[in-house]
Amino acid sequence: MSVALDASALLAFLFGDPGHEQVAAVIDDCELSTVNLAEVISRFARDGHDPGLVYRQIAGSGIRILPFGGEDATLVAQLLLPTRALGLSLGDRACLALALRRGIPALTADQAWSKLTLPIRIQIVRAAPVS
């Protein structure tokens, strides 16, 4: 089964951060919204990397990149109130909208998502920080 890939999970995978192994195990079954793709490419651009090269590398992987359309925009808007208290961004809601629209789990590295009560399965790839 496919999973909707949040930018935080893809960045954990690309940087080898905690949880990257969990993403690697499903990378060929991931779907990524173009909104989340923009987040990831922007992170690399911020560090001086060529955005076109980063895009080509992600596009050449097993990840399926899906356009963000009107139905997604409507779902993102509907998710605003249920996610506001957790501080979820537009990008977070774009990933959740993709998961809802496609009926698939969402994969993230954002611990706040564990508090969501939505009709989709949330998979978190990082363990809580150890104090």
Protein backbone atom coordinates (compact mmCIF):
# COMPACT_ATOMS: atom_id res chain seq x y z
CA MET A 1 0.00 0.00 0.00
CA SER A 2 1.20 3.50 -0.79
CA VAL A 3 1.85 6.15 1.84
CA ALA A 4 1.59 9.93 1.61
CA LEU A 5 5.07 11.27 2.33
CA ASP A 6 5.42 14.45 4.39
CA ALA A 7 8.37 16.75 3.69
CA SER A 8 9.71 16.11 7.21
CA ALA A 9 9.93 12.37 6.58
CA LEU A 10 11.57 12.82 3.17
CA LEU A 11 14.11 15.23 4.67
CA ALA A 12 14.85 12.73 7.47
CA PHE A 13 15.51 10.13 4.77
CA LEU A 14 17.67 12.42 2.64
CA PHE A 15 19.75 13.66 5.59
CA GLY A 16 20.04 10.25 7.27
CA ASP A 17 18.30 11.59 10.37
CA PRO A 18 16.62 9.36 12.97
CA GLY A 19 13.81 7.46 11.30
CA HIS A 20 15.42 7.44 7.85
CA GLU A 21 15.43 3.64 7.85
CA GLN A 22 11.64 3.58 8.18
CA VAL A 23 11.30 5.87 5.17
CA ALA A 24 13.84 3.85 3.17
CA ALA A 25 11.75 0.71 3.74
CA VAL A 26 8.74 2.24 1.94
CA ILE A 27 10.36 4.80 -0.38
CA ASP A 28 9.24 2.97 -3.53
CA ASP A 29 5.62 3.08 -2.31
CA CYS A 30 5.48 6.78 -1.44
CA GLU A 31 3.35 9.51 -2.93
CA LEU A 32 4.42 13.14 -2.56
CA SER A 33 2.33 16.24 -3.11
CA THR A 34 3.95 18.95 -5.21
CA VAL A 35 3.49 21.24 -2.18
CA ASN A 36 5.69 18.93 -0.10
CA LEU A 37 8.10 18.62 -3.00
CA ALA A 38 8.46 22.41 -3.00
CA GLU A 39 9.20 22.33 0.74
CA VAL A 40 11.98 19.77 0.28
CA ILE A 41 13.54 21.50 -2.74
CA SER A 42 13.37 24.83 -0.89
CA ARG A 43 15.27 23.36 2.05
CA PHE A 44 18.10 22.34 -0.28
CA ALA A 45 18.00 25.66 -2.15
CA ARG A 46 18.39 27.45 1.18
CA ASP A 47 21.66 25.54 1.65
CA GLY A 48 22.92 26.58 -1.80
CA HIS A 49 21.98 23.48 -3.80
CA ASP A 50 20.65 23.71 -7.35
CA PRO A 51 16.84 23.32 -7.10
CA GLY A 52 16.64 21.79 -10.60
CA LEU A 53 19.16 19.11 -9.73
CA VAL A 54 17.39 18.32 -6.45
CA TYR A 55 14.08 18.05 -8.30
CA ARG A 56 15.54 15.71 -10.91
CA GLN A 57 17.02 13.47 -8.22
CA ILE A 58 13.72 13.21 -6.35
CA ALA A 59 11.75 12.76 -9.58
CA GLY A 60 14.14 9.98 -10.60
CA SER A 61 13.54 8.06 -7.39
CA GLY A 62 10.68 5.65 -6.77
CA ILE A 63 8.56 8.42 -5.22
CA ARG A 64 5.39 9.27 -7.15
CA ILE A 65 4.95 13.04 -7.33
CA LEU A 66 1.29 14.07 -7.51
CA PRO A 67 -0.04 17.49 -8.51
CA PHE A 68 -1.81 19.62 -5.92
CA GLY A 69 -5.24 20.45 -7.30
CA GLY A 70 -8.54 21.98 -6.36
CA GLU A 71 -9.76 18.98 -4.39
CA ASP A 72 -6.53 19.06 -2.39
CA ALA A 73 -6.91 22.81 -1.76
CA THR A 74 -10.43 22.22 -0.45
CA LEU A 75 -9.25 19.44 1.87
CA VAL A 76 -6.37 21.63 3.12
CA ALA A 77 -8.89 24.35 3.99
CA GLN A 78 -11.16 21.83 5.74
CA LEU A 79 -8.19 20.63 7.80
CA LEU A 80 -7.32 24.12 9.06
CA LEU A 81 -9.56 24.11 12.14
CA PRO A 82 -8.91 20.49 13.22
CA THR A 83 -5.13 21.02 13.00
CA ARG A 84 -4.78 24.64 14.13
CA ALA A 85 -4.13 23.85 17.81
CA LEU A 86 -1.19 21.64 16.81
CA GLY A 87 0.34 24.36 14.63
CA LEU A 88 0.31 22.33 11.41
CA SER A 89 1.49 24.20 8.33
CA LEU A 90 -0.05 24.37 4.89
CA GLY A 91 2.53 21.78 3.79
CA ASP A 92 1.53 19.45 6.64
CA ARG A 93 -2.10 19.80 5.65
CA ALA A 94 -1.22 19.17 1.99
CA CYS A 95 0.26 15.82 2.96
CA LEU A 96 -2.78 14.99 5.08
CA ALA A 97 -5.09 16.03 2.23
CA LEU A 98 -3.23 13.68 -0.13
CA ALA A 99 -3.60 10.85 2.38
CA LEU A 100 -7.31 11.55 2.82
CA ARG A 101 -7.98 11.87 -0.90
CA ARG A 102 -6.10 8.66 -1.75
CA GLY A 103 -7.21 6.69 1.34
CA ILE A 104 -3.62 5.92 2.37
CA PRO A 105 -1.55 6.42 5.54
CA ALA A 106 0.54 9.55 6.04
CA LEU A 107 4.24 9.24 6.92
CA THR A 108 5.82 12.10 8.87
CA ALA A 109 8.62 12.94 11.28
CA ASP A 110 6.42 15.48 13.08
CA GLN A 111 5.51 14.22 16.57
CA ALA A 112 2.55 16.63 16.80
CA TRP A 113 0.69 14.54 14.23
CA SER A 114 0.29 11.75 16.83
CA LYS A 115 -2.39 13.93 18.46
CA LEU A 116 -4.52 14.16 15.32
CA THR A 117 -7.93 12.53 15.23
CA LEU A 118 -8.48 12.11 11.51
CA PRO A 119 -9.86 9.15 9.56
CA ILE A 120 -6.38 8.16 8.30
CA ARG A 121 -3.47 6.29 9.79
CA ILE A 122 -0.52 8.46 10.79
CA GLN A 123 2.94 6.86 10.88
CA ILE A 124 5.67 8.78 12.68
CA VAL A 125 9.24 7.89 11.74
CA ARG A 126 11.16 9.43 14.61
CA ALA A 127 11.09 8.40 18.22
CA ALA A 128 10.43 11.15 20.75
CA PRO A 129 13.61 12.96 21.80
CA VAL A 130 15.41 11.40 24.74
CA SER A 131 15.94 13.80 27.66
